[in-house]
Amino acid sequence: MIKEINYDEDYSFSVTDLISKLKKEKQIDLNEEKYIVLRHLEKDKPYYFIRYPFNEISFKYIKIDGSSGEIILDKFLYHTE
């Protein structure tokens, strides 16, 4: 018998929803290679994390609630030397 694990169980806001939201609201196409998408549970709450280079000295960091799709954080981070 093989036990299946549903890694999407905690994420009622699906990856498909995430792709559509970012394309519509931020003009971000997550299918492009430059985007890094991670997901993680913090205190049992699901989140998506998106990071991508913005220019030579900074990158954009977006945190999205994996249940509601609400954008929790949207900011620039800067490379340190």
Protein backbone atom coordinates (compact mmCIF):
# COMPACT_ATOMS: atom_id res chain seq x y z
CA MET A 1 0.00 0.00 0.00
CA ILE A 2 1.29 3.45 -0.92
CA LYS A 3 0.40 6.42 1.24
CA GLU A 4 -0.25 9.60 -0.71
CA ILE A 5 0.58 12.96 0.80
CA ASN A 6 -1.46 15.96 -0.31
CA TYR A 7 0.97 18.88 -0.13
CA ASP A 8 -1.79 21.26 -1.29
CA GLU A 9 -4.08 20.42 1.62
CA ASP A 10 -3.42 23.63 3.60
CA TYR A 11 -3.45 25.86 0.51
CA SER A 12 -7.05 26.72 -0.40
CA PHE A 13 -5.59 29.49 -2.61
CA SER A 14 -4.07 27.26 -5.27
CA VAL A 15 -0.95 27.69 -7.37
CA THR A 16 -3.24 28.33 -10.35
CA ASP A 17 -4.98 31.09 -8.34
CA LEU A 18 -1.56 32.52 -7.45
CA ILE A 19 -0.44 32.60 -11.10
CA SER A 20 -3.68 34.34 -12.16
CA LYS A 21 -3.59 36.89 -9.32
CA LEU A 22 0.01 37.95 -9.92
CA LYS A 23 -0.48 38.15 -13.67
CA LYS A 24 -3.60 40.32 -13.26
CA GLU A 25 -2.57 42.53 -10.32
CA LYS A 26 1.22 42.78 -10.68
CA GLN A 27 1.87 41.89 -14.35
CA ILE A 28 4.08 39.03 -13.14
CA ASP A 29 4.25 35.85 -15.20
CA LEU A 30 5.37 33.15 -12.79
CA ASN A 31 6.12 30.85 -15.72
CA GLU A 32 9.23 32.93 -16.49
CA GLU A 33 12.46 31.48 -15.10
CA LYS A 34 13.52 34.58 -13.17
CA TYR A 35 10.82 34.09 -10.51
CA ILE A 36 11.49 31.97 -7.45
CA VAL A 37 8.34 30.66 -5.77
CA LEU A 38 8.42 28.90 -2.42
CA ARG A 39 5.73 27.95 0.01
CA HIS A 40 5.97 27.40 3.70
CA LEU A 41 3.83 27.01 6.82
CA GLU A 42 4.44 29.65 9.50
CA LYS A 43 2.69 28.87 12.77
CA ASP A 44 0.47 26.45 10.83
CA LYS A 45 -0.57 29.15 8.33
CA PRO A 46 0.26 28.59 4.65
CA TYR A 47 2.16 31.24 2.69
CA TYR A 48 3.64 31.65 -0.77
CA PHE A 49 6.90 33.56 -1.15
CA ILE A 50 7.89 35.07 -4.49
CA ARG A 51 11.30 36.58 -5.13
CA TYR A 52 12.81 37.97 -8.30
CA PRO A 53 15.60 40.32 -9.35
CA PHE A 54 14.41 43.85 -9.96
CA ASN A 55 17.68 45.48 -10.96
CA GLU A 56 21.40 45.04 -10.27
CA ILE A 57 21.17 46.04 -6.61
CA SER A 58 17.72 44.90 -5.49
CA PHE A 59 15.10 42.25 -5.75
CA LYS A 60 11.37 42.17 -5.09
CA TYR A 61 9.94 40.02 -2.29
CA ILE A 62 6.23 39.20 -2.07
CA LYS A 63 4.50 37.16 0.64
CA ILE A 64 0.97 35.91 -0.03
CA ASP A 65 -1.48 34.18 2.30
CA GLY A 66 -1.99 30.62 1.01
CA SER A 67 -5.57 30.52 2.29
CA SER A 68 -7.02 33.86 1.20
CA GLY A 69 -4.62 35.05 -1.52
CA GLU A 70 -4.08 38.32 0.35
CA ILE A 71 -0.75 40.02 -0.30
CA ILE A 72 0.86 40.27 3.13
CA LEU A 73 4.16 41.84 2.11
CA ASP A 74 5.42 43.47 -1.07
CA LYS A 75 8.80 45.15 -0.75
CA PHE A 76 12.24 45.62 -2.22
CA LEU A 77 15.26 44.02 -0.60
CA TYR A 78 18.79 45.11 -1.39
CA HIS A 79 21.89 43.00 -1.91
CA THR A 80 24.58 43.51 0.68
CA GLU A 81 28.23 43.55 -0.21
